Amino acid sequence: MRSTGHESGRHIVTILHTKKADLTDGDWQHMAKVVGYVKRHSAQRPDGDVEHTRWRYSLMNWGNDPLKK
């Protein structure tokens, strides 16, 4: 079974290694989906130390580490 977040992460890595001019409509749609997910999920930040939480790991699967400056 493949995780949606992991699959998205692999797609993000592929997109990041693609020249902007070569991105497909599907790539742009995926990145819009990712931005929306990260924005919504970030707003649900739990209280306290989040270093080893499912919340943080979920965001990292989508290409965003909330602890990275």
PDB file of N, CA and C in Angstrom:
ATOM      1  N   MET A   1       0.840  -1.174   0.000  1.00  0.00           N
ATOM      2  CA  MET A   1       0.000   0.000   0.000  1.00  0.00           C
ATOM      3  C   MET A   1       0.890   1.244   0.000  1.00  0.00           C
ATOM      4  N   ARG A   2       0.584   2.187  -0.842  1.00  0.00           N
ATOM      5  CA  ARG A   2       1.377   3.415  -0.935  1.00  0.00           C
ATOM      6  C   ARG A   2       0.655   4.536  -0.219  1.00  0.00           C
ATOM      7  N   SER A   3       1.411   5.324   0.478  1.00  0.00           N
ATOM      8  CA  SER A   3       0.859   6.478   1.167  1.00  0.00           C
ATOM      9  C   SER A   3       0.674   7.625   0.178  1.00  0.00           C
ATOM     10  N   THR A   4      -0.462   8.300   0.279  1.00  0.00           N
ATOM     11  CA  THR A   4      -0.720   9.447  -0.599  1.00  0.00           C
ATOM     12  C   THR A   4       0.350  10.514  -0.407  1.00  0.00           C
ATOM     13  N   GLY A   5       0.718  10.762   0.854  1.00  0.00           N
ATOM     14  CA  GLY A   5       1.743  11.763   1.140  1.00  0.00           C
ATOM     15  C   GLY A   5       3.084  11.392   0.541  1.00  0.00           C
ATOM     16  N   HIS A   6       3.470  10.111   0.647  1.00  0.00           N
ATOM     17  CA  HIS A   6       4.747   9.671   0.088  1.00  0.00           C
ATOM     18  C   HIS A   6       4.743   9.798  -1.432  1.00  0.00           C
ATOM     19  N   GLU A   7       3.635   9.407  -2.044  1.00  0.00           N
ATOM     20  CA  GLU A   7       3.531   9.511  -3.496  1.00  0.00           C
ATOM     21  C   GLU A   7       3.601  10.976  -3.923  1.00  0.00           C
ATOM     22  N   SER A   8       2.919  11.829  -3.181  1.00  0.00           N
ATOM     23  CA  SER A   8       2.973  13.264  -3.472  1.00  0.00           C
ATOM     24  C   SER A   8       4.399  13.780  -3.322  1.00  0.00           C
ATOM     25  N   GLY A   9       5.080  13.325  -2.283  1.00  0.00           N
ATOM     26  CA  GLY A   9       6.462  13.752  -2.056  1.00  0.00           C
ATOM     27  C   GLY A   9       7.369  13.400  -3.223  1.00  0.00           C
ATOM     28  N   ARG A  10       7.186  12.206  -3.761  1.00  0.00           N
ATOM     29  CA  ARG A  10       7.992  11.799  -4.917  1.00  0.00           C
ATOM     30  C   ARG A  10       7.670  12.686  -6.130  1.00  0.00           C
ATOM     31  N   HIS A  11       6.393  13.013  -6.291  1.00  0.00           N
ATOM     32  CA  HIS A  11       5.993  13.888  -7.403  1.00  0.00           C
ATOM     33  C   HIS A  11       6.604  15.280  -7.219  1.00  0.00           C
ATOM     34  N   ILE A  12       6.613  15.776  -5.988  1.00  0.00           N
ATOM     35  CA  ILE A  12       7.200  17.089  -5.700  1.00  0.00           C
ATOM     36  C   ILE A  12       8.682  17.099  -6.066  1.00  0.00           C
ATOM     37  N   VAL A  13       9.399  16.041  -5.698  1.00  0.00           N
ATOM     38  CA  VAL A  13      10.828  15.964  -6.008  1.00  0.00           C
ATOM     39  C   VAL A  13      11.033  15.993  -7.523  1.00  0.00           C
ATOM     40  N   THR A  14      10.206  15.259  -8.252  1.00  0.00           N
ATOM     41  CA  THR A  14      10.298  15.265  -9.712  1.00  0.00           C
ATOM     42  C   THR A  14      10.053  16.670 -10.260  1.00  0.00           C
ATOM     43  N   ILE A  15       9.029  17.332  -9.731  1.00  0.00           N
ATOM     44  CA  ILE A  15       8.711  18.690 -10.177  1.00  0.00           C
ATOM     45  C   ILE A  15       9.880  19.640  -9.905  1.00  0.00           C
ATOM     46  N   LEU A  16      10.490  19.508  -8.738  1.00  0.00           N
ATOM     47  CA  LEU A  16      11.599  20.403  -8.376  1.00  0.00           C
ATOM     48  C   LEU A  16      12.816  20.213  -9.275  1.00  0.00           C
ATOM     49  N   HIS A  17      12.926  19.041  -9.893  1.00  0.00           N
ATOM     50  CA  HIS A  17      14.047  18.778 -10.792  1.00  0.00           C
ATOM     51  C   HIS A  17      13.683  19.033 -12.263  1.00  0.00           C
ATOM     52  N   THR A  18      12.528  19.633 -12.489  1.00  0.00           N
ATOM     53  CA  THR A  18      12.051  19.912 -13.841  1.00  0.00           C
ATOM     54  C   THR A  18      12.146  21.413 -14.110  1.00  0.00           C
ATOM     55  N   LYS A  19      12.588  21.760 -15.301  1.00  0.00           N
ATOM     56  CA  LYS A  19      12.620  23.177 -15.676  1.00  0.00           C
ATOM     57  C   LYS A  19      11.193  23.715 -15.685  1.00  0.00           C
ATOM     58  N   LYS A  20      11.042  24.950 -15.233  1.00  0.00           N
ATOM     59  CA  LYS A  20       9.719  25.575 -15.145  1.00  0.00           C
ATOM     60  C   LYS A  20       8.974  25.507 -16.489  1.00  0.00           C
ATOM     61  N   ALA A  21       9.672  25.740 -17.562  1.00  0.00           N
ATOM     62  CA  ALA A  21       9.049  25.728 -18.885  1.00  0.00           C
ATOM     63  C   ALA A  21       8.550  24.336 -19.285  1.00  0.00           C
ATOM     64  N   ASP A  22       9.092  23.291 -18.655  1.00  0.00           N
ATOM     65  CA  ASP A  22       8.716  21.920 -18.999  1.00  0.00           C
ATOM     66  C   ASP A  22       7.638  21.335 -18.092  1.00  0.00           C
ATOM     67  N   LEU A  23       7.143  22.116 -17.135  1.00  0.00           N
ATOM     68  CA  LEU A  23       6.101  21.614 -16.233  1.00  0.00           C
ATOM     69  C   LEU A  23       4.783  21.457 -16.986  1.00  0.00           C
ATOM     70  N   THR A  24       4.084  20.387 -16.675  1.00  0.00           N
ATOM     71  CA  THR A  24       2.792  20.127 -17.317  1.00  0.00           C
ATOM     72  C   THR A  24       1.669  20.791 -16.523  1.00  0.00           C
ATOM     73  N   ASP A  25       0.503  20.848 -17.112  1.00  0.00           N
ATOM     74  CA  ASP A  25      -0.664  21.353 -16.383  1.00  0.00           C
ATOM     75  C   ASP A  25      -0.903  20.512 -15.132  1.00  0.00           C
ATOM     76  N   GLY A  26      -0.680  19.207 -15.245  1.00  0.00           N
ATOM     77  CA  GLY A  26      -0.831  18.317 -14.096  1.00  0.00           C
ATOM     78  C   GLY A  26       0.154  18.645 -12.982  1.00  0.00           C
ATOM     79  N   ASP A  27       1.375  19.013 -13.338  1.00  0.00           N
ATOM     80  CA  ASP A  27       2.377  19.411 -12.339  1.00  0.00           C
ATOM     81  C   ASP A  27       1.910  20.657 -11.595  1.00  0.00           C
ATOM     82  N   TRP A  28       1.415  21.646 -12.350  1.00  0.00           N
ATOM     83  CA  TRP A  28       0.938  22.890 -11.728  1.00  0.00           C
ATOM     84  C   TRP A  28      -0.252  22.604 -10.824  1.00  0.00           C
ATOM     85  N   GLN A  29      -1.147  21.740 -11.263  1.00  0.00           N
ATOM     86  CA  GLN A  29      -2.308  21.384 -10.446  1.00  0.00           C
ATOM     87  C   GLN A  29      -1.870  20.685  -9.163  1.00  0.00           C
ATOM     88  N   HIS A  30      -0.879  19.815  -9.284  1.00  0.00           N
ATOM     89  CA  HIS A  30      -0.394  19.115  -8.095  1.00  0.00           C
ATOM     90  C   HIS A  30       0.217  20.101  -7.101  1.00  0.00           C
ATOM     91  N   MET A  31       0.994  21.038  -7.591  1.00  0.00           N
ATOM     92  CA  MET A  31       1.613  22.003  -6.684  1.00  0.00           C
ATOM     93  C   MET A  31       0.556  22.892  -6.012  1.00  0.00           C
ATOM     94  N   ALA A  32      -0.512  23.230  -6.714  1.00  0.00           N
ATOM     95  CA  ALA A  32      -1.597  23.999  -6.094  1.00  0.00           C
ATOM     96  C   ALA A  32      -2.254  23.174  -4.991  1.00  0.00           C
ATOM     97  N   LYS A  33      -2.410  21.873  -5.229  1.00  0.00           N
ATOM     98  CA  LYS A  33      -2.977  20.967  -4.229  1.00  0.00           C
ATOM     99  C   LYS A  33      -2.070  20.902  -3.004  1.00  0.00           C
ATOM    100  N   VAL A  34      -0.770  20.810  -3.245  1.00  0.00           N
ATOM    101  CA  VAL A  34       0.203  20.738  -2.158  1.00  0.00           C
ATOM    102  C   VAL A  34       0.168  22.013  -1.314  1.00  0.00           C
ATOM    103  N   VAL A  35       0.163  23.161  -1.960  1.00  0.00           N
ATOM    104  CA  VAL A  35       0.136  24.438  -1.233  1.00  0.00           C
ATOM    105  C   VAL A  35      -1.119  24.524  -0.372  1.00  0.00           C
ATOM    106  N   GLY A  36      -2.259  24.125  -0.911  1.00  0.00           N
ATOM    107  CA  GLY A  36      -3.503  24.147  -0.148  1.00  0.00           C
ATOM    108  C   GLY A  36      -3.455  23.218   1.040  1.00  0.00           C
ATOM    109  N   TYR A  37      -2.925  21.996   0.829  1.00  0.00           N
ATOM    110  CA  TYR A  37      -2.821  21.028   1.918  1.00  0.00           C
ATOM    111  C   TYR A  37      -1.918  21.560   3.022  1.00  0.00           C
ATOM    112  N   VAL A  38      -0.758  22.053   2.660  1.00  0.00           N
ATOM    113  CA  VAL A  38       0.203  22.540   3.658  1.00  0.00           C
ATOM    114  C   VAL A  38      -0.393  23.716   4.439  1.00  0.00           C
ATOM    115  N   LYS A  39      -1.079  24.599   3.747  1.00  0.00           N
ATOM    116  CA  LYS A  39      -1.697  25.754   4.420  1.00  0.00           C
ATOM    117  C   LYS A  39      -2.748  25.296   5.432  1.00  0.00           C
ATOM    118  N   ARG A  40      -3.636  24.389   5.005  1.00  0.00           N
ATOM    119  CA  ARG A  40      -4.687  23.896   5.907  1.00  0.00           C
ATOM    120  C   ARG A  40      -4.103  23.115   7.082  1.00  0.00           C
ATOM    121  N   HIS A  41      -3.174  22.227   6.772  1.00  0.00           N
ATOM    122  CA  HIS A  41      -2.593  21.365   7.811  1.00  0.00           C
ATOM    123  C   HIS A  41      -1.743  22.178   8.792  1.00  0.00           C
ATOM    124  N   SER A  42      -1.039  23.184   8.300  1.00  0.00           N
ATOM    125  CA  SER A  42      -0.213  24.034   9.174  1.00  0.00           C
ATOM    126  C   SER A  42      -1.071  24.780  10.191  1.00  0.00           C
ATOM    127  N   ALA A  43      -2.268  25.141   9.795  1.00  0.00           N
ATOM    128  CA  ALA A  43      -3.174  25.860  10.688  1.00  0.00           C
ATOM    129  C   ALA A  43      -3.653  24.979  11.844  1.00  0.00           C
ATOM    130  N   GLN A  44      -3.461  23.660  11.739  1.00  0.00           N
ATOM    131  CA  GLN A  44      -3.901  22.724  12.766  1.00  0.00           C
ATOM    132  C   GLN A  44      -2.754  22.307  13.693  1.00  0.00           C
ATOM    133  N   ARG A  45      -1.736  23.133  13.782  1.00  0.00           N
ATOM    134  CA  ARG A  45      -0.553  22.810  14.592  1.00  0.00           C
ATOM    135  C   ARG A  45      -0.955  22.484  16.027  1.00  0.00           C
ATOM    136  N   PRO A  46      -0.514  21.333  16.535  1.00  0.00           N
ATOM    137  CA  PRO A  46      -0.831  20.982  17.926  1.00  0.00           C
ATOM    138  C   PRO A  46       0.015  21.801  18.903  1.00  0.00           C
ATOM    139  N   ASP A  47      -0.440  21.855  20.119  1.00  0.00           N
ATOM    140  CA  ASP A  47       0.316  22.551  21.169  1.00  0.00           C
ATOM    141  C   ASP A  47       1.550  21.749  21.555  1.00  0.00           C
ATOM    142  N   GLY A  48       2.524  22.441  22.091  1.00  0.00           N
ATOM    143  CA  GLY A  48       3.707  21.780  22.629  1.00  0.00           C
ATOM    144  C   GLY A  48       4.749  21.458  21.576  1.00  0.00           C
ATOM    145  N   ASP A  49       5.649  20.560  21.958  1.00  0.00           N
ATOM    146  CA  ASP A  49       6.752  20.137  21.099  1.00  0.00           C
ATOM    147  C   ASP A  49       6.212  19.266  19.975  1.00  0.00           C
ATOM    148  N   VAL A  50       6.435  19.660  18.742  1.00  0.00           N
ATOM    149  CA  VAL A  50       5.896  18.924  17.593  1.00  0.00           C
ATOM    150  C   VAL A  50       6.958  18.112  16.855  1.00  0.00           C
ATOM    151  N   GLU A  51       8.168  18.061  17.402  1.00  0.00           N
ATOM    152  CA  GLU A  51       9.272  17.432  16.670  1.00  0.00           C
ATOM    153  C   GLU A  51       8.967  16.005  16.225  1.00  0.00           C
ATOM    154  N   HIS A  52       8.373  15.193  17.077  1.00  0.00           N
ATOM    155  CA  HIS A  52       8.138  13.778  16.748  1.00  0.00           C
ATOM    156  C   HIS A  52       6.642  13.480  16.669  1.00  0.00           C
ATOM    157  N   THR A  53       5.897  14.346  16.023  1.00  0.00           N
ATOM    158  CA  THR A  53       4.454  14.149  15.928  1.00  0.00           C
ATOM    159  C   THR A  53       4.045  13.690  14.532  1.00  0.00           C
ATOM    160  N   ARG A  54       2.912  13.005  14.461  1.00  0.00           N
ATOM    161  CA  ARG A  54       2.360  12.592  13.168  1.00  0.00           C
ATOM    162  C   ARG A  54       2.058  13.827  12.318  1.00  0.00           C
ATOM    163  N   TRP A  55       1.657  14.923  12.982  1.00  0.00           N
ATOM    164  CA  TRP A  55       1.352  16.171  12.283  1.00  0.00           C
ATOM    165  C   TRP A  55       2.573  16.638  11.484  1.00  0.00           C
ATOM    166  N   ARG A  56       3.731  16.677  12.137  1.00  0.00           N
ATOM    167  CA  ARG A  56       4.958  17.130  11.458  1.00  0.00           C
ATOM    168  C   ARG A  56       5.365  16.160  10.353  1.00  0.00           C
ATOM    169  N   TYR A  57       5.310  14.853  10.636  1.00  0.00           N
ATOM    170  CA  TYR A  57       5.721  13.877   9.634  1.00  0.00           C
ATOM    171  C   TYR A  57       4.804  13.930   8.411  1.00  0.00           C
ATOM    172  N   SER A  58       3.525  14.187   8.637  1.00  0.00           N
ATOM    173  CA  SER A  58       2.596  14.324   7.520  1.00  0.00           C
ATOM    174  C   SER A  58       2.983  15.505   6.643  1.00  0.00           C
ATOM    175  N   LEU A  59       3.277  16.635   7.260  1.00  0.00           N
ATOM    176  CA  LEU A  59       3.700  17.802   6.490  1.00  0.00           C
ATOM    177  C   LEU A  59       5.010  17.534   5.750  1.00  0.00           C
ATOM    178  N   MET A  60       5.937  16.840   6.385  1.00  0.00           N
ATOM    179  CA  MET A  60       7.214  16.554   5.725  1.00  0.00           C
ATOM    180  C   MET A  60       7.008  15.649   4.517  1.00  0.00           C
ATOM    181  N   ASN A  61       6.028  14.727   4.575  1.00  0.00           N
ATOM    182  CA  ASN A  61       5.726  13.889   3.408  1.00  0.00           C
ATOM    183  C   ASN A  61       5.278  14.727   2.224  1.00  0.00           C
ATOM    184  N   TRP A  62       4.695  15.883   2.509  1.00  0.00           N
ATOM    185  CA  TRP A  62       4.207  16.774   1.451  1.00  0.00           C
ATOM    186  C   TRP A  62       5.238  17.845   1.110  1.00  0.00           C
ATOM    187  N   GLY A  63       6.465  17.706   1.627  1.00  0.00           N
ATOM    188  CA  GLY A  63       7.554  18.617   1.246  1.00  0.00           C
ATOM    189  C   GLY A  63       7.712  19.829   2.118  1.00  0.00           C
ATOM    190  N   ASN A  64       7.127  19.821   3.333  1.00  0.00           N
ATOM    191  CA  ASN A  64       7.227  20.989   4.217  1.00  0.00           C
ATOM    192  C   ASN A  64       7.584  20.536   5.618  1.00  0.00           C
ATOM    193  N   ASP A  65       8.711  21.003   6.119  1.00  0.00           N
ATOM    194  CA  ASP A  65       9.097  20.730   7.500  1.00  0.00           C
ATOM    195  C   ASP A  65       8.819  21.975   8.326  1.00  0.00           C
ATOM    196  N   PRO A  66       7.804  21.934   9.196  1.00  0.00           N
ATOM    197  CA  PRO A  66       7.441  23.131   9.950  1.00  0.00           C
ATOM    198  C   PRO A  66       8.507  23.585  10.940  1.00  0.00           C
ATOM    199  N   LEU A  67       9.504  22.748  11.212  1.00  0.00           N
ATOM    200  CA  LEU A  67      10.566  23.149  12.144  1.00  0.00           C
ATOM    201  C   LEU A  67      11.777  23.714  11.421  1.00  0.00           C
ATOM    202  N   LYS A  68      11.794  23.610  10.108  1.00  0.00           N
ATOM    203  CA  LYS A  68      12.920  24.120   9.323  1.00  0.00           C
ATOM    204  C   LYS A  68      12.749  25.623   9.130  1.00  0.00           C
ATOM    205  N   LYS A  69      13.795  26.368   9.401  1.00  0.00           N
ATOM    206  CA  LYS A  69      13.732  27.826   9.274  1.00  0.00           C
ATOM    207  C   LYS A  69      14.124  28.300   7.918  1.00  0.00           C
TER     208      LYS A  69
END
